[in-house]
Amino acid sequence: MVATELLDRILDPVGRALSPEAARELIAMRADPQTQERIDRLADLANEGALSCEERSEYESLIAAAGVVAVLQAKARLVIEGNSAV
């Protein structure tokens, strides 16, 4: 099973528990400017092949967290779409 499929299955109960209001807030979530700046800097270093071991670990953790948020946001969109169809 692909990791994203497993993550989707693990987060399914969270998606089902979202109210429309919580779903809208989740969809609107973005990294704060300082965090986004750090992600961008680490991405640049990664593209240059210049990450230290510590930076690589940090970057991989941030990418994993972003993946979790993306799956939750997709589930939130389904909640909103389901409510607008009613």
N, C-alpha and C. Protein backbone atom coordinates (compact mmCIF):
# COMPACT_ATOMS: atom_id res chain seq x y z
N MET A 1 0.85 -1.18 0.00
CA MET A 1 0.00 0.00 0.00
C MET A 1 0.90 1.24 0.00
N VAL A 2 0.55 2.21 -0.82
CA VAL A 2 1.30 3.46 -0.91
C VAL A 2 1.10 4.24 0.39
N ALA A 3 2.13 4.94 0.82
CA ALA A 3 2.08 5.67 2.10
C ALA A 3 0.94 6.68 2.14
N THR A 4 0.66 7.36 1.03
CA THR A 4 -0.43 8.34 1.04
C THR A 4 -1.78 7.67 1.19
N GLU A 5 -1.92 6.47 0.63
CA GLU A 5 -3.17 5.73 0.80
C GLU A 5 -3.36 5.33 2.26
N LEU A 6 -2.29 4.89 2.88
CA LEU A 6 -2.35 4.50 4.29
C LEU A 6 -2.66 5.72 5.16
N LEU A 7 -2.01 6.83 4.87
CA LEU A 7 -2.28 8.07 5.61
C LEU A 7 -3.74 8.47 5.43
N ASP A 8 -4.26 8.36 4.22
CA ASP A 8 -5.66 8.68 3.95
C ASP A 8 -6.58 7.81 4.81
N ARG A 9 -6.28 6.54 4.91
CA ARG A 9 -7.11 5.63 5.71
C ARG A 9 -7.01 5.94 7.20
N ILE A 10 -5.81 6.27 7.65
CA ILE A 10 -5.61 6.59 9.07
C ILE A 10 -6.39 7.84 9.44
N LEU A 11 -6.42 8.82 8.53
CA LEU A 11 -7.08 10.10 8.83
C LEU A 11 -8.56 10.13 8.48
N ASP A 12 -9.07 9.04 7.94
CA ASP A 12 -10.48 8.98 7.58
C ASP A 12 -11.42 9.32 8.74
N PRO A 13 -11.22 8.78 9.94
CA PRO A 13 -12.12 9.14 11.05
C PRO A 13 -12.11 10.64 11.36
N VAL A 14 -10.96 11.27 11.20
CA VAL A 14 -10.88 12.71 11.44
C VAL A 14 -11.74 13.44 10.42
N GLY A 15 -11.63 13.05 9.17
CA GLY A 15 -12.43 13.67 8.12
C GLY A 15 -13.92 13.52 8.37
N ARG A 16 -14.33 12.36 8.81
CA ARG A 16 -15.75 12.12 9.08
C ARG A 16 -16.25 12.94 10.27
N ALA A 17 -15.35 13.31 11.17
CA ALA A 17 -15.74 14.05 12.37
C ALA A 17 -15.79 15.56 12.15
N LEU A 18 -15.36 16.03 10.99
CA LEU A 18 -15.30 17.47 10.76
C LEU A 18 -16.68 18.07 10.54
N SER A 19 -16.95 19.14 11.24
CA SER A 19 -18.15 19.92 10.96
C SER A 19 -17.83 20.81 9.75
N PRO A 20 -18.85 21.32 9.08
CA PRO A 20 -18.58 22.23 7.95
C PRO A 20 -17.72 23.43 8.37
N GLU A 21 -17.97 23.98 9.54
CA GLU A 21 -17.19 25.12 10.02
C GLU A 21 -15.73 24.74 10.23
N ALA A 22 -15.49 23.61 10.87
CA ALA A 22 -14.11 23.16 11.09
C ALA A 22 -13.44 22.84 9.76
N ALA A 23 -14.20 22.29 8.83
CA ALA A 23 -13.66 21.98 7.50
C ALA A 23 -13.20 23.25 6.80
N ARG A 24 -13.99 24.30 6.86
CA ARG A 24 -13.62 25.58 6.24
C ARG A 24 -12.33 26.14 6.87
N GLU A 25 -12.23 26.06 8.18
CA GLU A 25 -11.03 26.55 8.85
C GLU A 25 -9.80 25.73 8.45
N LEU A 26 -9.97 24.43 8.35
CA LEU A 26 -8.87 23.56 7.96
C LEU A 26 -8.42 23.85 6.53
N ILE A 27 -9.37 24.07 5.64
CA ILE A 27 -9.03 24.39 4.25
C ILE A 27 -8.24 25.69 4.17
N ALA A 28 -8.56 26.64 5.02
CA ALA A 28 -7.90 27.95 5.00
C ALA A 28 -6.52 27.94 5.66
N MET A 29 -6.16 26.87 6.33
CA MET A 29 -4.87 26.82 7.05
C MET A 29 -3.69 26.99 6.11
N ARG A 30 -2.76 27.83 6.53
CA ARG A 30 -1.50 28.03 5.81
C ARG A 30 -0.39 28.17 6.84
N ALA A 31 0.81 27.89 6.43
CA ALA A 31 1.96 28.09 7.31
C ALA A 31 2.13 29.58 7.56
N ASP A 32 2.55 29.93 8.78
CA ASP A 32 2.82 31.33 9.07
C ASP A 32 4.05 31.76 8.26
N PRO A 33 4.21 33.06 8.03
CA PRO A 33 5.30 33.54 7.17
C PRO A 33 6.70 33.05 7.58
N GLN A 34 6.98 33.01 8.88
CA GLN A 34 8.29 32.56 9.34
C GLN A 34 8.52 31.09 9.00
N THR A 35 7.50 30.26 9.21
CA THR A 35 7.62 28.84 8.88
C THR A 35 7.76 28.65 7.38
N GLN A 36 6.96 29.38 6.60
CA GLN A 36 7.04 29.26 5.14
C GLN A 36 8.40 29.68 4.62
N GLU A 37 8.95 30.72 5.22
CA GLU A 37 10.29 31.17 4.84
C GLU A 37 11.32 30.07 5.10
N ARG A 38 11.19 29.40 6.24
CA ARG A 38 12.12 28.32 6.58
C ARG A 38 11.97 27.15 5.61
N ILE A 39 10.73 26.80 5.29
CA ILE A 39 10.49 25.72 4.32
C ILE A 39 11.11 26.07 2.98
N ASP A 40 10.89 27.31 2.53
CA ASP A 40 11.45 27.75 1.24
C ASP A 40 12.96 27.69 1.25
N ARG A 41 13.57 28.12 2.36
CA ARG A 41 15.04 28.10 2.46
C ARG A 41 15.57 26.67 2.42
N LEU A 42 14.92 25.78 3.16
CA LEU A 42 15.34 24.38 3.14
C LEU A 42 15.13 23.76 1.76
N ALA A 43 14.06 24.13 1.09
CA ALA A 43 13.81 23.62 -0.27
C ALA A 43 14.91 24.08 -1.22
N ASP A 44 15.30 25.34 -1.10
CA ASP A 44 16.39 25.85 -1.94
C ASP A 44 17.67 25.07 -1.68
N LEU A 45 17.98 24.86 -0.40
CA LEU A 45 19.19 24.11 -0.06
C LEU A 45 19.11 22.68 -0.58
N ALA A 46 17.93 22.07 -0.49
CA ALA A 46 17.75 20.71 -1.00
C ALA A 46 17.98 20.66 -2.50
N ASN A 47 17.44 21.64 -3.21
CA ASN A 47 17.62 21.69 -4.66
C ASN A 47 19.07 21.90 -5.06
N GLU A 48 19.82 22.56 -4.19
CA GLU A 48 21.25 22.79 -4.44
C GLU A 48 22.10 21.61 -3.95
N GLY A 49 21.47 20.65 -3.27
CA GLY A 49 22.21 19.53 -2.71
C GLY A 49 23.09 19.96 -1.55
N ALA A 50 22.64 20.98 -0.81
CA ALA A 50 23.48 21.57 0.24
C ALA A 50 22.89 21.44 1.64
N LEU A 51 21.96 20.53 1.85
CA LEU A 51 21.39 20.35 3.18
C LEU A 51 22.35 19.59 4.09
N SER A 52 22.47 20.05 5.33
CA SER A 52 23.19 19.27 6.32
C SER A 52 22.28 18.12 6.76
N CYS A 53 22.80 17.18 7.50
CA CYS A 53 21.97 16.07 8.00
C CYS A 53 20.83 16.58 8.86
N GLU A 54 21.13 17.56 9.71
CA GLU A 54 20.10 18.13 10.58
C GLU A 54 19.03 18.87 9.76
N GLU A 55 19.46 19.62 8.75
CA GLU A 55 18.51 20.33 7.90
C GLU A 55 17.65 19.35 7.09
N ARG A 56 18.26 18.28 6.62
CA ARG A 56 17.51 17.28 5.86
C ARG A 56 16.43 16.66 6.74
N SER A 57 16.77 16.34 7.97
CA SER A 57 15.79 15.78 8.90
C SER A 57 14.65 16.77 9.16
N GLU A 58 15.01 18.02 9.37
CA GLU A 58 14.00 19.06 9.59
C GLU A 58 13.10 19.19 8.36
N TYR A 59 13.70 19.25 7.18
CA TYR A 59 12.95 19.40 5.94
C TYR A 59 12.01 18.22 5.71
N GLU A 60 12.50 17.02 5.94
CA GLU A 60 11.67 15.83 5.77
C GLU A 60 10.49 15.84 6.75
N SER A 61 10.73 16.30 7.97
CA SER A 61 9.64 16.41 8.95
C SER A 61 8.60 17.43 8.51
N LEU A 62 9.06 18.55 7.99
CA LEU A 62 8.13 19.58 7.53
C LEU A 62 7.33 19.09 6.33
N ILE A 63 7.97 18.38 5.43
CA ILE A 63 7.27 17.83 4.25
C ILE A 63 6.24 16.80 4.69
N ALA A 64 6.59 15.96 5.66
CA ALA A 64 5.64 14.97 6.17
C ALA A 64 4.44 15.66 6.81
N ALA A 65 4.69 16.69 7.60
CA ALA A 65 3.59 17.44 8.23
C ALA A 65 2.70 18.08 7.17
N ALA A 66 3.31 18.63 6.14
CA ALA A 66 2.53 19.23 5.05
C ALA A 66 1.68 18.18 4.36
N GLY A 67 2.18 16.97 4.25
CA GLY A 67 1.40 15.88 3.65
C GLY A 67 0.17 15.55 4.47
N VAL A 68 0.33 15.52 5.78
CA VAL A 68 -0.81 15.26 6.67
C VAL A 68 -1.85 16.36 6.52
N VAL A 69 -1.39 17.60 6.52
CA VAL A 69 -2.32 18.73 6.37
C VAL A 69 -3.03 18.66 5.02
N ALA A 70 -2.31 18.31 3.96
CA ALA A 70 -2.91 18.22 2.63
C ALA A 70 -4.01 17.16 2.59
N VAL A 71 -3.77 16.01 3.21
CA VAL A 71 -4.80 14.96 3.24
C VAL A 71 -6.01 15.44 4.03
N LEU A 72 -5.77 16.08 5.16
CA LEU A 72 -6.89 16.61 5.96
C LEU A 72 -7.66 17.68 5.20
N GLN A 73 -6.96 18.52 4.46
CA GLN A 73 -7.64 19.54 3.68
C GLN A 73 -8.49 18.92 2.57
N ALA A 74 -7.99 17.86 1.97
CA ALA A 74 -8.78 17.16 0.95
C ALA A 74 -10.05 16.57 1.57
N LYS A 75 -9.92 16.01 2.74
CA LYS A 75 -11.10 15.47 3.43
C LYS A 75 -12.06 16.60 3.80
N ALA A 76 -11.53 17.75 4.20
CA ALA A 76 -12.36 18.89 4.54
C ALA A 76 -13.13 19.38 3.30
N ARG A 77 -12.49 19.36 2.15
CA ARG A 77 -13.18 19.77 0.92
C ARG A 77 -14.34 18.83 0.62
N LEU A 78 -14.16 17.56 0.89
CA LEU A 78 -15.24 16.59 0.68
C LEU A 78 -16.42 16.90 1.61
N VAL A 79 -16.11 17.31 2.85
CA VAL A 79 -17.17 17.68 3.79
C VAL A 79 -17.96 18.87 3.23
N ILE A 80 -17.24 19.88 2.75
CA ILE A 80 -17.90 21.08 2.22
C ILE A 80 -18.71 20.72 0.97
N GLU A 81 -18.14 19.94 0.08
CA GLU A 81 -18.86 19.54 -1.13
C GLU A 81 -20.11 18.74 -0.79
N GLY A 82 -19.99 17.86 0.20
CA GLY A 82 -21.13 17.05 0.62
C GLY A 82 -22.24 17.88 1.19
N ASN A 83 -21.89 18.93 1.92
CA ASN A 83 -22.91 19.81 2.52
C ASN A 83 -23.53 20.73 1.48
N SER A 84 -22.78 21.12 0.46
CA SER A 84 -23.35 22.01 -0.54
C SER A 84 -24.25 21.24 -1.50
N ALA A 85 -24.11 19.91 -1.54
CA ALA A 85 -24.94 19.08 -2.41
C ALA A 85 -26.29 18.80 -1.77
N VAL A 86 -26.42 19.07 -0.47
CA VAL A 86 -27.66 18.78 0.26
C VAL A 86 -28.65 19.92 0.13
